[in-house]
Amino acid sequence: MRPRSPKWLDDIQRSAEFILAAIGGKSVQDYQTDALLRAAIERHFEIIGEAMRRLARDDPETAAFIADYPRIIAFRDLLIQGYDLVDHAEVWTVAREHVPLLLAQVKALLSGSAPPER
């Protein structure tokens, strides 16, 4: 792992933990009607995607251990550049279904163990 990689992995971990804490006990309807919640979660997805982009550029070997890392970067790009095309139900699904695996993989990388399977 390259010297800057742990910083970017830590940024991903912190944002993933924030997302999971923010959606805990909430429904997709809560998410769709709460502009502050949506903005906070989208911002943390942007951080995840940007940190992943930097990791992939600087340390592609480490990035390759993250499932679908190119899609994570593309999701960040959609949130920023295609803000008017964002499907809130899709963001909710990504938060619920994909962030837990991402978090597990990042924690494994940071601890030096093998990441969980994709």
N, C-alpha and C. Protein backbone atom coordinates (compact mmCIF):
# COMPACT_ATOMS: atom_id res chain seq x y z
N MET A 1 0.87 -1.18 0.00
CA MET A 1 0.00 0.00 0.00
C MET A 1 0.91 1.24 0.00
N ARG A 2 0.56 2.18 -0.81
CA ARG A 2 1.36 3.40 -0.91
C ARG A 2 1.08 4.32 0.29
N PRO A 3 1.99 5.26 0.56
CA PRO A 3 1.88 6.09 1.77
C PRO A 3 0.58 6.88 1.92
N ARG A 4 0.01 7.38 0.83
CA ARG A 4 -1.22 8.19 0.94
C ARG A 4 -2.50 7.33 1.00
N SER A 5 -2.37 6.08 0.65
CA SER A 5 -3.56 5.21 0.57
C SER A 5 -4.33 5.10 1.87
N PRO A 6 -3.68 4.92 3.03
CA PRO A 6 -4.46 4.84 4.27
C PRO A 6 -5.32 6.08 4.53
N LYS A 7 -4.84 7.26 4.17
CA LYS A 7 -5.62 8.48 4.35
C LYS A 7 -6.90 8.42 3.53
N TRP A 8 -6.78 8.03 2.27
CA TRP A 8 -7.97 7.96 1.42
C TRP A 8 -8.91 6.85 1.89
N LEU A 9 -8.36 5.73 2.31
CA LEU A 9 -9.21 4.66 2.84
C LEU A 9 -9.92 5.10 4.11
N ASP A 10 -9.22 5.86 4.95
CA ASP A 10 -9.85 6.39 6.16
C ASP A 10 -10.98 7.36 5.81
N ASP A 11 -10.77 8.20 4.81
CA ASP A 11 -11.84 9.11 4.38
C ASP A 11 -13.06 8.32 3.91
N ILE A 12 -12.82 7.26 3.16
CA ILE A 12 -13.92 6.40 2.69
C ILE A 12 -14.62 5.76 3.87
N GLN A 13 -13.85 5.25 4.81
CA GLN A 13 -14.43 4.61 5.99
C GLN A 13 -15.31 5.58 6.77
N ARG A 14 -14.80 6.77 7.03
CA ARG A 14 -15.56 7.75 7.81
C ARG A 14 -16.85 8.15 7.10
N SER A 15 -16.79 8.34 5.80
CA SER A 15 -18.00 8.71 5.06
C SER A 15 -18.99 7.56 4.99
N ALA A 16 -18.49 6.35 4.82
CA ALA A 16 -19.38 5.18 4.81
C ALA A 16 -20.07 5.02 6.16
N GLU A 17 -19.32 5.21 7.24
CA GLU A 17 -19.91 5.12 8.58
C GLU A 17 -20.95 6.21 8.78
N PHE A 18 -20.67 7.41 8.29
CA PHE A 18 -21.64 8.50 8.39
C PHE A 18 -22.93 8.13 7.67
N ILE A 19 -22.80 7.64 6.44
CA ILE A 19 -23.98 7.28 5.65
C ILE A 19 -24.81 6.24 6.39
N LEU A 20 -24.16 5.20 6.88
CA LEU A 20 -24.91 4.14 7.57
C LEU A 20 -25.58 4.65 8.84
N ALA A 21 -24.91 5.53 9.57
CA ALA A 21 -25.52 6.11 10.77
C ALA A 21 -26.70 7.00 10.40
N ALA A 22 -26.55 7.76 9.33
CA ALA A 22 -27.60 8.70 8.92
C ALA A 22 -28.86 8.00 8.43
N ILE A 23 -28.71 6.83 7.81
CA ILE A 23 -29.90 6.14 7.28
C ILE A 23 -30.49 5.17 8.29
N GLY A 24 -29.79 4.94 9.39
CA GLY A 24 -30.29 4.02 10.40
C GLY A 24 -31.66 4.45 10.92
N GLY A 25 -32.60 3.53 10.91
CA GLY A 25 -33.94 3.83 11.40
C GLY A 25 -34.78 4.67 10.46
N LYS A 26 -34.27 4.95 9.28
CA LYS A 26 -35.00 5.78 8.31
C LYS A 26 -35.54 4.90 7.19
N SER A 27 -36.52 5.43 6.50
CA SER A 27 -37.10 4.75 5.34
C SER A 27 -36.73 5.53 4.08
N VAL A 28 -36.96 4.92 2.95
CA VAL A 28 -36.72 5.61 1.68
C VAL A 28 -37.61 6.86 1.59
N GLN A 29 -38.79 6.80 2.16
CA GLN A 29 -39.66 7.97 2.17
C GLN A 29 -39.07 9.10 3.01
N ASP A 30 -38.48 8.75 4.15
CA ASP A 30 -37.79 9.75 4.96
C ASP A 30 -36.69 10.42 4.13
N TYR A 31 -35.94 9.59 3.44
CA TYR A 31 -34.84 10.09 2.64
C TYR A 31 -35.34 11.02 1.53
N GLN A 32 -36.39 10.61 0.86
CA GLN A 32 -36.90 11.39 -0.27
C GLN A 32 -37.49 12.73 0.15
N THR A 33 -37.99 12.82 1.36
CA THR A 33 -38.64 14.06 1.80
C THR A 33 -37.76 14.96 2.65
N ASP A 34 -36.57 14.50 3.01
CA ASP A 34 -35.68 15.27 3.88
C ASP A 34 -34.49 15.78 3.08
N ALA A 35 -34.57 17.02 2.66
CA ALA A 35 -33.52 17.61 1.81
C ALA A 35 -32.16 17.65 2.52
N LEU A 36 -32.17 17.91 3.82
CA LEU A 36 -30.90 17.94 4.56
C LEU A 36 -30.25 16.56 4.62
N LEU A 37 -31.05 15.55 4.84
CA LEU A 37 -30.53 14.18 4.87
C LEU A 37 -29.96 13.81 3.51
N ARG A 38 -30.70 14.11 2.45
CA ARG A 38 -30.21 13.81 1.10
C ARG A 38 -28.89 14.53 0.82
N ALA A 39 -28.82 15.81 1.16
CA ALA A 39 -27.61 16.58 0.90
C ALA A 39 -26.42 16.01 1.67
N ALA A 40 -26.63 15.64 2.91
CA ALA A 40 -25.54 15.09 3.72
C ALA A 40 -25.05 13.76 3.16
N ILE A 41 -25.97 12.90 2.81
CA ILE A 41 -25.58 11.59 2.29
C ILE A 41 -24.91 11.74 0.93
N GLU A 42 -25.46 12.59 0.07
CA GLU A 42 -24.84 12.80 -1.24
C GLU A 42 -23.43 13.36 -1.08
N ARG A 43 -23.24 14.27 -0.14
CA ARG A 43 -21.90 14.84 0.09
C ARG A 43 -20.92 13.75 0.50
N HIS A 44 -21.36 12.84 1.35
CA HIS A 44 -20.46 11.76 1.77
C HIS A 44 -20.21 10.76 0.66
N PHE A 45 -21.17 10.56 -0.23
CA PHE A 45 -20.90 9.74 -1.42
C PHE A 45 -19.89 10.44 -2.32
N GLU A 46 -19.96 11.75 -2.40
CA GLU A 46 -18.98 12.51 -3.20
C GLU A 46 -17.57 12.33 -2.61
N ILE A 47 -17.46 12.39 -1.30
CA ILE A 47 -16.16 12.19 -0.65
C ILE A 47 -15.65 10.78 -0.92
N ILE A 48 -16.51 9.79 -0.79
CA ILE A 48 -16.12 8.41 -1.08
C ILE A 48 -15.61 8.29 -2.51
N GLY A 49 -16.36 8.83 -3.45
CA GLY A 49 -15.97 8.73 -4.85
C GLY A 49 -14.68 9.44 -5.17
N GLU A 50 -14.48 10.61 -4.59
CA GLU A 50 -13.24 11.36 -4.84
C GLU A 50 -12.05 10.67 -4.20
N ALA A 51 -12.21 10.17 -2.99
CA ALA A 51 -11.12 9.43 -2.34
C ALA A 51 -10.79 8.17 -3.14
N MET A 52 -11.82 7.52 -3.66
CA MET A 52 -11.61 6.33 -4.47
C MET A 52 -10.89 6.68 -5.78
N ARG A 53 -11.24 7.80 -6.37
CA ARG A 53 -10.59 8.24 -7.61
C ARG A 53 -9.10 8.47 -7.34
N ARG A 54 -8.79 9.12 -6.25
CA ARG A 54 -7.39 9.39 -5.91
C ARG A 54 -6.64 8.10 -5.61
N LEU A 55 -7.29 7.18 -4.89
CA LEU A 55 -6.69 5.89 -4.59
C LEU A 55 -6.41 5.12 -5.87
N ALA A 56 -7.37 5.09 -6.77
CA ALA A 56 -7.21 4.35 -8.03
C ALA A 56 -6.10 4.94 -8.89
N ARG A 57 -5.96 6.24 -8.87
CA ARG A 57 -4.92 6.90 -9.65
C ARG A 57 -3.54 6.64 -9.06
N ASP A 58 -3.43 6.74 -7.73
CA ASP A 58 -2.13 6.65 -7.08
C ASP A 58 -1.73 5.23 -6.68
N ASP A 59 -2.70 4.39 -6.41
CA ASP A 59 -2.43 3.05 -5.91
C ASP A 59 -3.46 2.07 -6.48
N PRO A 60 -3.39 1.81 -7.79
CA PRO A 60 -4.40 0.95 -8.42
C PRO A 60 -4.43 -0.47 -7.86
N GLU A 61 -3.30 -0.94 -7.34
CA GLU A 61 -3.27 -2.28 -6.77
C GLU A 61 -4.18 -2.38 -5.54
N THR A 62 -4.15 -1.36 -4.70
CA THR A 62 -5.02 -1.34 -3.52
C THR A 62 -6.46 -1.11 -3.93
N ALA A 63 -6.69 -0.20 -4.85
CA ALA A 63 -8.06 0.09 -5.31
C ALA A 63 -8.72 -1.17 -5.87
N ALA A 64 -7.95 -2.03 -6.48
CA ALA A 64 -8.50 -3.25 -7.09
C ALA A 64 -9.13 -4.18 -6.07
N PHE A 65 -8.80 -4.02 -4.80
CA PHE A 65 -9.41 -4.85 -3.75
C PHE A 65 -10.82 -4.38 -3.40
N ILE A 66 -11.23 -3.21 -3.89
CA ILE A 66 -12.55 -2.67 -3.61
C ILE A 66 -13.50 -3.07 -4.74
N ALA A 67 -14.58 -3.73 -4.38
CA ALA A 67 -15.56 -4.19 -5.38
C ALA A 67 -16.10 -3.01 -6.17
N ASP A 68 -16.07 -3.13 -7.47
CA ASP A 68 -16.68 -2.15 -8.37
C ASP A 68 -16.17 -0.73 -8.16
N TYR A 69 -14.88 -0.58 -7.85
CA TYR A 69 -14.39 0.77 -7.58
C TYR A 69 -14.62 1.74 -8.75
N PRO A 70 -14.57 1.30 -10.02
CA PRO A 70 -14.89 2.28 -11.08
C PRO A 70 -16.34 2.79 -11.01
N ARG A 71 -17.25 1.94 -10.57
CA ARG A 71 -18.65 2.36 -10.43
C ARG A 71 -18.81 3.35 -9.28
N ILE A 72 -18.00 3.21 -8.24
CA ILE A 72 -18.04 4.15 -7.12
C ILE A 72 -17.62 5.53 -7.60
N ILE A 73 -16.58 5.57 -8.41
CA ILE A 73 -16.11 6.84 -8.97
C ILE A 73 -17.17 7.43 -9.90
N ALA A 74 -17.77 6.59 -10.73
CA ALA A 74 -18.81 7.06 -11.66
C ALA A 74 -20.03 7.58 -10.90
N PHE A 75 -20.36 6.96 -9.78
CA PHE A 75 -21.50 7.41 -8.97
C PHE A 75 -21.24 8.81 -8.42
N ARG A 76 -20.02 9.05 -7.98
CA ARG A 76 -19.62 10.39 -7.52
C ARG A 76 -19.78 11.40 -8.65
N ASP A 77 -19.33 11.03 -9.84
CA ASP A 77 -19.43 11.93 -10.99
C ASP A 77 -20.89 12.26 -11.30
N LEU A 78 -21.75 11.25 -11.22
CA LEU A 78 -23.18 11.48 -11.47
C LEU A 78 -23.75 12.46 -10.45
N LEU A 79 -23.41 12.27 -9.19
CA LEU A 79 -23.95 13.14 -8.14
C LEU A 79 -23.51 14.59 -8.34
N ILE A 80 -22.29 14.78 -8.80
CA ILE A 80 -21.77 16.13 -8.96
C ILE A 80 -22.17 16.75 -10.30
N GLN A 81 -21.97 16.01 -11.36
CA GLN A 81 -22.18 16.57 -12.70
C GLN A 81 -23.60 16.38 -13.20
N GLY A 82 -24.26 15.34 -12.73
CA GLY A 82 -25.62 15.08 -13.18
C GLY A 82 -26.62 15.26 -12.07
N TYR A 83 -26.37 16.26 -11.23
CA TYR A 83 -27.19 16.47 -10.04
C TYR A 83 -28.69 16.49 -10.34
N ASP A 84 -29.05 16.94 -11.53
CA ASP A 84 -30.47 17.03 -11.88
C ASP A 84 -31.03 15.68 -12.35
N LEU A 85 -30.17 14.68 -12.48
CA LEU A 85 -30.59 13.35 -12.92
C LEU A 85 -30.62 12.33 -11.79
N VAL A 86 -30.29 12.76 -10.58
CA VAL A 86 -30.16 11.85 -9.45
C VAL A 86 -31.52 11.24 -9.10
N ASP A 87 -31.52 9.92 -9.01
CA ASP A 87 -32.70 9.17 -8.61
C ASP A 87 -32.54 8.86 -7.12
N HIS A 88 -33.36 9.51 -6.29
CA HIS A 88 -33.20 9.36 -4.84
C HIS A 88 -33.39 7.92 -4.38
N ALA A 89 -34.26 7.19 -5.03
CA ALA A 89 -34.45 5.79 -4.66
C ALA A 89 -33.18 4.98 -4.96
N GLU A 90 -32.48 5.32 -6.02
CA GLU A 90 -31.24 4.63 -6.35
C GLU A 90 -30.15 4.94 -5.32
N VAL A 91 -30.05 6.20 -4.91
CA VAL A 91 -29.07 6.58 -3.89
C VAL A 91 -29.36 5.80 -2.61
N TRP A 92 -30.62 5.73 -2.24
CA TRP A 92 -31.02 4.98 -1.05
C TRP A 92 -30.60 3.52 -1.16
N THR A 93 -30.85 2.92 -2.30
CA THR A 93 -30.49 1.52 -2.52
C THR A 93 -28.98 1.32 -2.40
N VAL A 94 -28.21 2.20 -2.99
CA VAL A 94 -26.75 2.11 -2.90
C VAL A 94 -26.33 2.23 -1.44
N ALA A 95 -26.91 3.16 -0.72
CA ALA A 95 -26.56 3.34 0.70
C ALA A 95 -26.87 2.08 1.50
N ARG A 96 -28.03 1.51 1.30
CA ARG A 96 -28.46 0.33 2.06
C ARG A 96 -27.72 -0.94 1.67
N GLU A 97 -27.55 -1.15 0.36
CA GLU A 97 -27.07 -2.44 -0.13
C GLU A 97 -25.58 -2.51 -0.42
N HIS A 98 -24.96 -1.40 -0.75
CA HIS A 98 -23.57 -1.45 -1.18
C HIS A 98 -22.58 -0.86 -0.17
N VAL A 99 -23.01 0.12 0.61
CA VAL A 99 -22.10 0.76 1.55
C VAL A 99 -21.61 -0.22 2.63
N PRO A 100 -22.44 -1.13 3.15
CA PRO A 100 -21.90 -2.06 4.16
C PRO A 100 -20.73 -2.91 3.64
N LEU A 101 -20.81 -3.40 2.41
CA LEU A 101 -19.70 -4.17 1.85
C LEU A 101 -18.48 -3.29 1.64
N LEU A 102 -18.68 -2.09 1.12
CA LEU A 102 -17.57 -1.17 0.94
C LEU A 102 -16.87 -0.92 2.28
N LEU A 103 -17.65 -0.66 3.30
CA LEU A 103 -17.08 -0.40 4.62
C LEU A 103 -16.28 -1.61 5.11
N ALA A 104 -16.80 -2.80 4.94
CA ALA A 104 -16.08 -4.01 5.36
C ALA A 104 -14.78 -4.17 4.59
N GLN A 105 -14.80 -3.90 3.31
CA GLN A 105 -13.59 -4.03 2.50
C GLN A 105 -12.54 -3.01 2.91
N VAL A 106 -12.95 -1.78 3.15
CA VAL A 106 -12.01 -0.73 3.55
C VAL A 106 -11.42 -1.03 4.92
N LYS A 107 -12.25 -1.46 5.85
CA LYS A 107 -11.74 -1.81 7.19
C LYS A 107 -10.71 -2.93 7.10
N ALA A 108 -10.99 -3.92 6.25
CA ALA A 108 -10.04 -5.03 6.08
C ALA A 108 -8.72 -4.53 5.52
N LEU A 109 -8.78 -3.67 4.52
CA LEU A 109 -7.55 -3.12 3.95
C LEU A 109 -6.76 -2.33 4.98
N LEU A 110 -7.45 -1.54 5.77
CA LEU A 110 -6.78 -0.72 6.78
C LEU A 110 -6.16 -1.58 7.89
N SER A 111 -6.77 -2.72 8.17
CA SER A 111 -6.25 -3.59 9.22
C SER A 111 -5.19 -4.56 8.70
N GLY A 112 -5.02 -4.57 7.38
CA GLY A 112 -4.01 -5.46 6.78
C GLY A 112 -4.49 -6.86 6.50
N SER A 113 -5.79 -7.11 6.66
CA SER A 113 -6.33 -8.44 6.36
C SER A 113 -6.96 -8.44 4.97
N ALA A 114 -7.31 -9.60 4.51
CA ALA A 114 -7.92 -9.73 3.18
C ALA A 114 -9.33 -9.18 3.20
N PRO A 115 -9.68 -8.35 2.22
CA PRO A 115 -11.04 -7.82 2.16
C PRO A 115 -12.06 -8.91 1.88
N PRO A 116 -13.31 -8.72 2.32
CA PRO A 116 -14.38 -9.68 2.03
C PRO A 116 -14.61 -9.79 0.54
N GLU A 117 -15.11 -10.92 0.13
CA GLU A 117 -15.41 -11.12 -1.29
C GLU A 117 -16.45 -10.14 -1.78
N ARG A 118 -16.39 -9.88 -3.05
CA ARG A 118 -17.28 -8.90 -3.69
C ARG A 118 -18.69 -9.38 -3.75
